[in-house]
Amino acid sequence: MTISTNDFLLRKFNETFPSFNGGMRELRFMVGTLGIDSDTYQNPLFEVKRQIATHLQLNKSVGEQLVIYRYLRESKIDIDAFDFIGESRSQLSLIEEQIFILLQHFNVRGYLVSKFQTKEKFIFFIDGISTTDKEMYVSGVAKEVSRIVREMNYLDWFNDDPDKVVAADYNFRKRYPNASASPYFERFGDVEDIRIFYYKNRANAAQLRLDFKSTQSYFNNRRARENPDKKQRNFSLSIAANRNINKLANDRGITRSAVVDMVFKDLKNWHKLQD
């Protein structure tokens, strides 16, 4: 589409913001601060500028304009600082938590940012906070997200088999029958649903671990019943043997049954478990 150099609205935008030399990041800040209902993903830059100019023609936004002028003058965090934000729904849920914290603890302007995707929403609020330690704040968020993902990496167990997700959903419904009255109201459709649930309820880390172990046991027992090559066996263990099986299971993130099966299926595995 050809843009006329005489486009009235574009001229008004340039007259209002003569020093503007930014891109969509800066335009999104303007859109959010002015409260404009604009789709900054579908509309090209010139159209967003035209919408901003139209809004300023029809509305007195003196205070908001002053915020925008200050924003355009000050230095900004390099966009690469936000590269830690991935595209998985579970990680984005952690960023949404941080956005909520920003709204609670900083004087952040912004009205119609619901149309922004999570990463752009986070950038918008970081650009808008009144602090000189923005880089340190973003770095802290990146470390916190990394820590949570790392501490719950045992959830990778669900990655290789959709039936494990089904087992988790069924097991949680069974363990918490009054789902609507409990924090376990979510249904698990995929591993991302499980991660989001665990991240959101991470304050109850001990209980989550128990629930995870329960799901593992349920899944493995069901698989054992379905597999005729595996038989359920009951036998007595010494206290020391029982303790060592528990230790190996916890260290490796597997079930007790899996430890015993690995050792006696091939005794060479005993050395692998000790390494």
C-alpha atoms as a PDB file:
ATOM      1  CA  MET A   1       0.000   0.000   0.000  1.00  0.00           C
ATOM      2  CA  THR A   2       1.431   3.409  -1.005  1.00  0.00           C
ATOM      3  CA  ILE A   3       1.525   5.998   1.745  1.00  0.00           C
ATOM      4  CA  SER A   4       0.948   9.570   0.686  1.00  0.00           C
ATOM      5  CA  THR A   5       3.543  11.998   1.976  1.00  0.00           C
ATOM      6  CA  ASN A   6       0.654  14.428   2.387  1.00  0.00           C
ATOM      7  CA  ASP A   7      -1.362  12.084   4.596  1.00  0.00           C
ATOM      8  CA  PHE A   8      -2.974  14.481   7.082  1.00  0.00           C
ATOM      9  CA  LEU A   9      -2.896  12.079  10.048  1.00  0.00           C
ATOM     10  CA  LEU A  10       0.711  11.072   9.484  1.00  0.00           C
ATOM     11  CA  ARG A  11       1.671  14.746   9.322  1.00  0.00           C
ATOM     12  CA  LYS A  12      -0.173  15.355  12.604  1.00  0.00           C
ATOM     13  CA  PHE A  13       1.667  12.449  14.216  1.00  0.00           C
ATOM     14  CA  ASN A  14       5.031  13.799  13.063  1.00  0.00           C
ATOM     15  CA  GLU A  15       4.144  17.296  14.251  1.00  0.00           C
ATOM     16  CA  THR A  16       3.129  15.978  17.672  1.00  0.00           C
ATOM     17  CA  PHE A  17       6.167  13.708  18.030  1.00  0.00           C
ATOM     18  CA  PRO A  18       8.851  15.342  15.855  1.00  0.00           C
ATOM     19  CA  SER A  19      11.676  13.352  17.427  1.00  0.00           C
ATOM     20  CA  PHE A  20      10.048   9.962  16.903  1.00  0.00           C
ATOM     21  CA  ASN A  21      12.377   7.471  15.239  1.00  0.00           C
ATOM     22  CA  GLY A  22      11.188   4.274  16.878  1.00  0.00           C
ATOM     23  CA  GLY A  23       9.347   1.170  15.790  1.00  0.00           C
ATOM     24  CA  MET A  24       6.442  -0.929  16.972  1.00  0.00           C
ATOM     25  CA  ARG A  25       7.813  -1.198  20.528  1.00  0.00           C
ATOM     26  CA  GLU A  26       7.516   2.567  20.936  1.00  0.00           C
ATOM     27  CA  LEU A  27       4.159   2.689  19.175  1.00  0.00           C
ATOM     28  CA  ARG A  28       2.797   0.003  21.485  1.00  0.00           C
ATOM     29  CA  PHE A  29       3.839   2.114  24.440  1.00  0.00           C
ATOM     30  CA  MET A  30       1.896   5.026  22.979  1.00  0.00           C
ATOM     31  CA  VAL A  31      -1.137   2.857  22.246  1.00  0.00           C
ATOM     32  CA  GLY A  32      -1.152   1.429  25.757  1.00  0.00           C
ATOM     33  CA  THR A  33      -0.587   4.761  27.477  1.00  0.00           C
ATOM     34  CA  LEU A  34      -3.283   6.529  25.455  1.00  0.00           C
ATOM     35  CA  GLY A  35      -5.717   3.632  25.794  1.00  0.00           C
ATOM     36  CA  ILE A  36      -6.238   3.134  22.069  1.00  0.00           C
ATOM     37  CA  ASP A  37      -7.989   0.006  20.851  1.00  0.00           C
ATOM     38  CA  SER A  38      -5.448  -0.823  18.156  1.00  0.00           C
ATOM     39  CA  ASP A  39      -4.271  -4.179  16.803  1.00  0.00           C
ATOM     40  CA  THR A  40      -0.509  -3.654  16.715  1.00  0.00           C
ATOM     41  CA  TYR A  41       0.091  -7.099  15.252  1.00  0.00           C
ATOM     42  CA  GLN A  42      -2.110  -6.791  12.170  1.00  0.00           C
ATOM     43  CA  ASN A  43      -1.771  -3.073  11.468  1.00  0.00           C
ATOM     44  CA  PRO A  44       1.432  -1.728   9.892  1.00  0.00           C
ATOM     45  CA  LEU A  45       3.396   1.057  11.576  1.00  0.00           C
ATOM     46  CA  PHE A  46       1.917   3.871   9.507  1.00  0.00           C
ATOM     47  CA  GLU A  47      -1.643   2.783  10.337  1.00  0.00           C
ATOM     48  CA  VAL A  48      -0.887   2.677  14.069  1.00  0.00           C
ATOM     49  CA  LYS A  49       0.552   6.183  13.772  1.00  0.00           C
ATOM     50  CA  ARG A  50      -2.635   7.312  12.023  1.00  0.00           C
ATOM     51  CA  GLN A  51      -4.764   5.801  14.820  1.00  0.00           C
ATOM     52  CA  ILE A  52      -2.682   7.604  17.435  1.00  0.00           C
ATOM     53  CA  ALA A  53      -3.069  10.888  15.578  1.00  0.00           C
ATOM     54  CA  THR A  54      -6.826  10.334  15.271  1.00  0.00           C
ATOM     55  CA  HIS A  55      -7.098   9.708  19.005  1.00  0.00           C
ATOM     56  CA  LEU A  56      -5.159  12.866  19.840  1.00  0.00           C
ATOM     57  CA  GLN A  57      -7.418  14.869  17.516  1.00  0.00           C
ATOM     58  CA  LEU A  58     -10.499  13.708  19.388  1.00  0.00           C
ATOM     59  CA  ASN A  59      -9.258  13.486  22.975  1.00  0.00           C
ATOM     60  CA  LYS A  60      -7.431  15.718  25.417  1.00  0.00           C
ATOM     61  CA  SER A  61      -4.564  13.547  26.560  1.00  0.00           C
ATOM     62  CA  VAL A  62      -2.117  16.082  27.962  1.00  0.00           C
ATOM     63  CA  GLY A  63      -0.938  13.946  30.865  1.00  0.00           C
ATOM     64  CA  GLU A  64      -0.516  10.885  28.679  1.00  0.00           C
ATOM     65  CA  GLN A  65       1.390  12.879  26.070  1.00  0.00           C
ATOM     66  CA  LEU A  66       3.829  14.096  28.713  1.00  0.00           C
ATOM     67  CA  VAL A  67       4.457  10.473  29.726  1.00  0.00           C
ATOM     68  CA  ILE A  68       5.108   9.591  26.072  1.00  0.00           C
ATOM     69  CA  TYR A  69       7.484  12.558  25.576  1.00  0.00           C
ATOM     70  CA  ARG A  70       9.492  11.497  28.614  1.00  0.00           C
ATOM     71  CA  TYR A  71       9.548   7.885  27.406  1.00  0.00           C
ATOM     72  CA  LEU A  72      10.816   8.874  23.946  1.00  0.00           C
ATOM     73  CA  ARG A  73      13.637  10.947  25.496  1.00  0.00           C
ATOM     74  CA  GLU A  74      14.932   8.379  27.980  1.00  0.00           C
ATOM     75  CA  SER A  75      17.146   5.407  27.181  1.00  0.00           C
ATOM     76  CA  LYS A  76      15.516   1.981  27.047  1.00  0.00           C
ATOM     77  CA  ILE A  77      16.612  -1.518  27.928  1.00  0.00           C
ATOM     78  CA  ASP A  78      18.013  -3.324  24.927  1.00  0.00           C
ATOM     79  CA  ILE A  79      15.354  -5.560  23.425  1.00  0.00           C
ATOM     80  CA  ASP A  80      17.753  -8.525  23.715  1.00  0.00           C
ATOM     81  CA  ALA A  81      17.270  -8.401  27.492  1.00  0.00           C
ATOM     82  CA  PHE A  82      13.824  -9.911  26.946  1.00  0.00           C
ATOM     83  CA  ASP A  83      15.052 -12.895  24.936  1.00  0.00           C
ATOM     84  CA  PHE A  84      14.645 -15.139  27.983  1.00  0.00           C
ATOM     85  CA  ILE A  85      10.886 -15.066  27.430  1.00  0.00           C
ATOM     86  CA  GLY A  86      10.030 -18.176  25.455  1.00  0.00           C
ATOM     87  CA  GLU A  87       6.853 -19.130  23.666  1.00  0.00           C
ATOM     88  CA  SER A  88       5.622 -21.987  25.856  1.00  0.00           C
ATOM     89  CA  ARG A  89       2.327 -21.322  27.624  1.00  0.00           C
ATOM     90  CA  SER A  90       3.768 -22.413  30.947  1.00  0.00           C
ATOM     91  CA  GLN A  91       6.666 -19.962  30.836  1.00  0.00           C
ATOM     92  CA  LEU A  92       4.400 -17.169  29.660  1.00  0.00           C
ATOM     93  CA  SER A  93       2.198 -17.859  32.680  1.00  0.00           C
ATOM     94  CA  LEU A  94       5.196 -17.001  34.881  1.00  0.00           C
ATOM     95  CA  ILE A  95       5.646 -13.739  32.979  1.00  0.00           C
ATOM     96  CA  GLU A  96       1.963 -12.929  33.536  1.00  0.00           C
ATOM     97  CA  GLU A  97       2.617 -13.327  37.270  1.00  0.00           C
ATOM     98  CA  GLN A  98       5.421 -10.776  37.000  1.00  0.00           C
ATOM     99  CA  ILE A  99       3.120  -8.386  35.150  1.00  0.00           C
ATOM    100  CA  PHE A 100       0.649  -8.646  38.022  1.00  0.00           C
ATOM    101  CA  ILE A 101       3.466  -7.788  40.462  1.00  0.00           C
ATOM    102  CA  LEU A 102       4.415  -4.773  38.349  1.00  0.00           C
ATOM    103  CA  LEU A 103       0.844  -3.524  38.460  1.00  0.00           C
ATOM    104  CA  GLN A 104       0.739  -3.935  42.246  1.00  0.00           C
ATOM    105  CA  HIS A 105       4.069  -2.331  43.126  1.00  0.00           C
ATOM    106  CA  PHE A 106       4.762   0.300  40.487  1.00  0.00           C
ATOM    107  CA  ASN A 107       2.877   3.331  39.236  1.00  0.00           C
ATOM    108  CA  VAL A 108       2.358   1.868  35.775  1.00  0.00           C
ATOM    109  CA  ARG A 109       0.094   3.511  33.237  1.00  0.00           C
ATOM    110  CA  GLY A 110      -1.671   1.506  30.596  1.00  0.00           C
ATOM    111  CA  TYR A 111      -5.261   0.771  29.795  1.00  0.00           C
ATOM    112  CA  LEU A 112      -5.958  -1.276  26.680  1.00  0.00           C
ATOM    113  CA  VAL A 113      -2.949  -3.620  26.730  1.00  0.00           C
ATOM    114  CA  SER A 114      -5.078  -6.749  26.801  1.00  0.00           C
ATOM    115  CA  LYS A 115      -4.546  -7.062  23.049  1.00  0.00           C
ATOM    116  CA  PHE A 116      -0.779  -7.214  23.556  1.00  0.00           C
ATOM    117  CA  GLN A 117       0.811 -10.631  23.659  1.00  0.00           C
ATOM    118  CA  THR A 118       2.481 -11.478  26.958  1.00  0.00           C
ATOM    119  CA  LYS A 119       6.048 -10.595  25.971  1.00  0.00           C
ATOM    120  CA  GLU A 120       5.045  -7.224  24.512  1.00  0.00           C
ATOM    121  CA  LYS A 121       2.823  -6.579  27.522  1.00  0.00           C
ATOM    122  CA  PHE A 122       5.781  -7.199  29.849  1.00  0.00           C
ATOM    123  CA  ILE A 123       8.011  -4.902  27.765  1.00  0.00           C
ATOM    124  CA  PHE A 124       5.317  -2.221  27.883  1.00  0.00           C
ATOM    125  CA  PHE A 125       5.110  -2.307  31.669  1.00  0.00           C
ATOM    126  CA  ILE A 126       8.908  -2.393  32.090  1.00  0.00           C
ATOM    127  CA  ASP A 127       9.176   0.652  29.820  1.00  0.00           C
ATOM    128  CA  GLY A 128       6.570   2.385  31.965  1.00  0.00           C
ATOM    129  CA  ILE A 129       7.915   1.793  35.477  1.00  0.00           C
ATOM    130  CA  SER A 130       9.586   4.674  37.303  1.00  0.00           C
ATOM    131  CA  THR A 131      12.897   3.179  38.374  1.00  0.00           C
ATOM    132  CA  THR A 132      16.502   3.483  37.279  1.00  0.00           C
ATOM    133  CA  ASP A 133      17.098  -0.221  37.902  1.00  0.00           C
ATOM    134  CA  LYS A 134      15.042  -1.596  35.013  1.00  0.00           C
ATOM    135  CA  GLU A 135      17.870  -3.779  33.715  1.00  0.00           C
ATOM    136  CA  MET A 136      18.431  -5.235  37.169  1.00  0.00           C
ATOM    137  CA  TYR A 137      14.701  -5.875  37.536  1.00  0.00           C
ATOM    138  CA  VAL A 138      14.453  -7.686  34.192  1.00  0.00           C
ATOM    139  CA  SER A 139      17.581  -9.698  34.983  1.00  0.00           C
ATOM    140  CA  GLY A 140      16.026 -10.687  38.317  1.00  0.00           C
ATOM    141  CA  VAL A 141      12.837 -11.831  36.597  1.00  0.00           C
ATOM    142  CA  ALA A 142      14.891 -13.897  34.132  1.00  0.00           C
ATOM    143  CA  LYS A 143      16.738 -15.611  37.005  1.00  0.00           C
ATOM    144  CA  GLU A 144      13.499 -16.267  38.903  1.00  0.00           C
ATOM    145  CA  VAL A 145      11.819 -17.856  35.871  1.00  0.00           C
ATOM    146  CA  SER A 146      14.916 -19.995  35.256  1.00  0.00           C
ATOM    147  CA  ARG A 147      14.956 -21.091  38.905  1.00  0.00           C
ATOM    148  CA  ILE A 148      11.310 -22.173  38.906  1.00  0.00           C
ATOM    149  CA  VAL A 149      11.664 -24.119  35.652  1.00  0.00           C
ATOM    150  CA  ARG A 150      14.850 -25.772  36.930  1.00  0.00           C
ATOM    151  CA  GLU A 151      13.360 -26.743  40.299  1.00  0.00           C
ATOM    152  CA  MET A 152      10.375 -28.343  38.570  1.00  0.00           C
ATOM    153  CA  ASN A 153      12.306 -30.075  35.806  1.00  0.00           C
ATOM    154  CA  TYR A 154      10.947 -33.361  37.151  1.00  0.00           C
ATOM    155  CA  LEU A 155       7.847 -32.460  35.141  1.00  0.00           C
ATOM    156  CA  ASP A 156       9.859 -33.403  32.031  1.00  0.00           C
ATOM    157  CA  TRP A 157       8.697 -36.939  32.858  1.00  0.00           C
ATOM    158  CA  PHE A 158       5.394 -36.076  31.138  1.00  0.00           C
ATOM    159  CA  ASN A 159       7.031 -35.042  27.862  1.00  0.00           C
ATOM    160  CA  ASP A 160       7.447 -38.403  26.149  1.00  0.00           C
ATOM    161  CA  ASP A 161       3.980 -39.933  26.489  1.00  0.00           C
ATOM    162  CA  PRO A 162       0.533 -38.305  26.211  1.00  0.00           C
ATOM    163  CA  ASP A 163      -0.885 -41.183  28.302  1.00  0.00           C
ATOM    164  CA  LYS A 164       1.038 -39.775  31.267  1.00  0.00           C
ATOM    165  CA  VAL A 165      -0.950 -36.557  30.962  1.00  0.00           C
ATOM    166  CA  VAL A 166      -4.172 -38.581  30.826  1.00  0.00           C
ATOM    167  CA  ALA A 167      -3.021 -40.463  33.929  1.00  0.00           C
ATOM    168  CA  ALA A 168      -2.293 -37.192  35.738  1.00  0.00           C
ATOM    169  CA  ASP A 169      -5.729 -35.818  34.904  1.00  0.00           C
ATOM    170  CA  TYR A 170      -7.503 -38.981  36.062  1.00  0.00           C
ATOM    171  CA  ASN A 171      -5.382 -39.336  39.193  1.00  0.00           C
ATOM    172  CA  PHE A 172      -5.989 -35.732  40.258  1.00  0.00           C
ATOM    173  CA  ARG A 173      -9.740 -36.121  39.764  1.00  0.00           C
ATOM    174  CA  LYS A 174      -9.625 -39.285  41.850  1.00  0.00           C
ATOM    175  CA  ARG A 175      -7.491 -37.779  44.635  1.00  0.00           C
ATOM    176  CA  TYR A 176      -9.503 -34.566  44.742  1.00  0.00           C
ATOM    177  CA  PRO A 177     -13.121 -35.515  43.976  1.00  0.00           C
ATOM    178  CA  ASN A 178     -14.445 -32.119  45.101  1.00  0.00           C
ATOM    179  CA  ALA A 179     -12.520 -30.443  42.302  1.00  0.00           C
ATOM    180  CA  SER A 180     -14.680 -27.337  42.080  1.00  0.00           C
ATOM    181  CA  ALA A 181     -14.010 -26.586  45.755  1.00  0.00           C
ATOM    182  CA  SER A 182     -10.261 -27.218  45.603  1.00  0.00           C
ATOM    183  CA  PRO A 183      -7.203 -25.693  43.921  1.00  0.00           C
ATOM    184  CA  TYR A 184      -7.155 -28.743  41.641  1.00  0.00           C
ATOM    185  CA  PHE A 185      -9.974 -27.569  39.448  1.00  0.00           C
ATOM    186  CA  GLU A 186      -7.978 -27.432  36.212  1.00  0.00           C
ATOM    187  CA  ARG A 187      -8.181 -30.224  33.663  1.00  0.00           C
ATOM    188  CA  PHE A 188      -4.943 -31.412  32.143  1.00  0.00           C
ATOM    189  CA  GLY A 189      -5.103 -31.552  28.356  1.00  0.00           C
ATOM    190  CA  ASP A 190      -1.356 -31.519  27.748  1.00  0.00           C
ATOM    191  CA  VAL A 191       1.950 -31.203  29.585  1.00  0.00           C
ATOM    192  CA  GLU A 192       1.737 -27.408  29.388  1.00  0.00           C
ATOM    193  CA  ASP A 193      -1.469 -27.495  31.449  1.00  0.00           C
ATOM    194  CA  ILE A 194       0.363 -29.540  34.063  1.00  0.00           C
ATOM    195  CA  ARG A 195       3.334 -27.162  34.159  1.00  0.00           C
ATOM    196  CA  ILE A 196       1.059 -24.129  34.495  1.00  0.00           C
ATOM    197  CA  PHE A 197      -0.784 -25.787  37.363  1.00  0.00           C
ATOM    198  CA  TYR A 198       2.435 -26.729  39.169  1.00  0.00           C
ATOM    199  CA  TYR A 199       3.992 -23.306  38.640  1.00  0.00           C
ATOM    200  CA  LYS A 200       0.868 -21.560  39.903  1.00  0.00           C
ATOM    201  CA  ASN A 201       0.728 -23.722  43.038  1.00  0.00           C
ATOM    202  CA  ARG A 202       4.479 -23.923  43.687  1.00  0.00           C
ATOM    203  CA  ALA A 203       4.062 -22.570  47.217  1.00  0.00           C
ATOM    204  CA  ASN A 204       2.734 -26.071  48.034  1.00  0.00           C
ATOM    205  CA  ALA A 205       5.903 -27.723  46.730  1.00  0.00           C
ATOM    206  CA  ALA A 206       5.814 -30.698  49.107  1.00  0.00           C
ATOM    207  CA  GLN A 207       2.207 -31.554  48.231  1.00  0.00           C
ATOM    208  CA  LEU A 208       2.911 -31.174  44.516  1.00  0.00           C
ATOM    209  CA  ARG A 209       5.766 -33.660  44.819  1.00  0.00           C
ATOM    210  CA  LEU A 210       3.460 -36.137  46.508  1.00  0.00           C
ATOM    211  CA  ASP A 211       0.858 -35.666  43.788  1.00  0.00           C
ATOM    212  CA  PHE A 212       3.523 -36.183  41.133  1.00  0.00           C
ATOM    213  CA  LYS A 213       4.740 -39.397  42.792  1.00  0.00           C
ATOM    214  CA  SER A 214       1.157 -40.588  43.039  1.00  0.00           C
ATOM    215  CA  THR A 215       0.639 -39.977  39.332  1.00  0.00           C
ATOM    216  CA  GLN A 216       3.865 -41.836  38.514  1.00  0.00           C
ATOM    217  CA  SER A 217       2.810 -44.806  40.623  1.00  0.00           C
ATOM    218  CA  TYR A 218      -0.672 -44.847  39.110  1.00  0.00           C
ATOM    219  CA  PHE A 219       0.713 -44.701  35.568  1.00  0.00           C
ATOM    220  CA  ASN A 220       3.397 -47.354  36.147  1.00  0.00           C
ATOM    221  CA  ASN A 221       0.990 -49.727  37.895  1.00  0.00           C
ATOM    222  CA  ARG A 222      -1.506 -49.382  35.069  1.00  0.00           C
ATOM    223  CA  ARG A 223       1.206 -50.046  32.483  1.00  0.00           C
ATOM    224  CA  ALA A 224       2.364 -53.060  34.450  1.00  0.00           C
ATOM    225  CA  ARG A 225      -1.139 -54.500  34.409  1.00  0.00           C
ATOM    226  CA  GLU A 226      -1.373 -53.909  30.674  1.00  0.00           C
ATOM    227  CA  ASN A 227       2.010 -55.543  30.031  1.00  0.00           C
ATOM    228  CA  PRO A 228       1.931 -59.329  30.534  1.00  0.00           C
ATOM    229  CA  ASP A 229       5.735 -59.383  30.765  1.00  0.00           C
ATOM    230  CA  LYS A 230       5.538 -57.483  34.035  1.00  0.00           C
ATOM    231  CA  LYS A 231       4.079 -59.077  37.154  1.00  0.00           C
ATOM    232  CA  GLN A 232       3.218 -57.557  40.501  1.00  0.00           C
ATOM    233  CA  ARG A 233       5.391 -59.038  43.254  1.00  0.00           C
ATOM    234  CA  ASN A 234       5.289 -58.558  47.027  1.00  0.00           C
ATOM    235  CA  PHE A 235       8.396 -59.148  49.113  1.00  0.00           C
ATOM    236  CA  SER A 236       9.921 -57.970  52.388  1.00  0.00           C
ATOM    237  CA  LEU A 237      12.861 -55.577  52.493  1.00  0.00           C
ATOM    238  CA  SER A 238      15.337 -54.687  55.185  1.00  0.00           C
ATOM    239  CA  ILE A 239      15.186 -51.119  56.466  1.00  0.00           C
ATOM    240  CA  ALA A 240      18.497 -50.346  54.760  1.00  0.00           C
ATOM    241  CA  ALA A 241      17.369 -51.791  51.406  1.00  0.00           C
ATOM    242  CA  ASN A 242      14.096 -49.903  51.566  1.00  0.00           C
ATOM    243  CA  ARG A 243      15.962 -46.675  52.352  1.00  0.00           C
ATOM    244  CA  ASN A 244      18.399 -47.193  49.470  1.00  0.00           C
ATOM    245  CA  ILE A 245      15.602 -47.860  46.979  1.00  0.00           C
ATOM    246  CA  ASN A 246      13.916 -44.649  48.102  1.00  0.00           C
ATOM    247  CA  LYS A 247      17.173 -42.721  47.743  1.00  0.00           C
ATOM    248  CA  LEU A 248      17.850 -44.025  44.238  1.00  0.00           C
ATOM    249  CA  ALA A 249      14.258 -43.315  43.178  1.00  0.00           C
ATOM    250  CA  ASN A 250      14.389 -39.746  44.499  1.00  0.00           C
ATOM    251  CA  ASP A 251      17.855 -39.035  43.075  1.00  0.00           C
ATOM    252  CA  ARG A 252      16.887 -40.332  39.631  1.00  0.00           C
ATOM    253  CA  GLY A 253      13.332 -38.991  39.633  1.00  0.00           C
ATOM    254  CA  ILE A 254      11.831 -42.421  39.004  1.00  0.00           C
ATOM    255  CA  THR A 255       9.559 -44.767  40.938  1.00  0.00           C
ATOM    256  CA  ARG A 256      10.677 -47.454  43.372  1.00  0.00           C
ATOM    257  CA  SER A 257       9.313 -50.082  40.992  1.00  0.00           C
ATOM    258  CA  ALA A 258      11.425 -48.658  38.187  1.00  0.00           C
ATOM    259  CA  VAL A 259      14.552 -48.880  40.369  1.00  0.00           C
ATOM    260  CA  VAL A 260      13.938 -52.544  41.199  1.00  0.00           C
ATOM    261  CA  ASP A 261      13.065 -53.349  37.578  1.00  0.00           C
ATOM    262  CA  MET A 262      16.245 -51.704  36.274  1.00  0.00           C
ATOM    263  CA  VAL A 263      18.488 -53.562  38.705  1.00  0.00           C
ATOM    264  CA  PHE A 264      17.101 -57.036  38.243  1.00  0.00           C
ATOM    265  CA  LYS A 265      16.318 -56.796  34.543  1.00  0.00           C
ATOM    266  CA  ASP A 266      20.039 -56.390  33.917  1.00  0.00           C
ATOM    267  CA  LEU A 267      22.492 -56.401  36.820  1.00  0.00           C
ATOM    268  CA  LYS A 268      24.781 -54.108  34.862  1.00  0.00           C
ATOM    269  CA  ASN A 269      22.275 -51.358  35.571  1.00  0.00           C
ATOM    270  CA  TRP A 270      23.155 -51.540  39.260  1.00  0.00           C
ATOM    271  CA  HIS A 271      26.474 -49.891  38.473  1.00  0.00           C
ATOM    272  CA  LYS A 272      24.734 -47.235  36.395  1.00  0.00           C
ATOM    273  CA  LEU A 273      22.457 -46.357  39.284  1.00  0.00           C
ATOM    274  CA  GLN A 274      25.441 -46.055  41.615  1.00  0.00           C
ATOM    275  CA  ASP A 275      27.317 -43.669  39.294  1.00  0.00           C
END
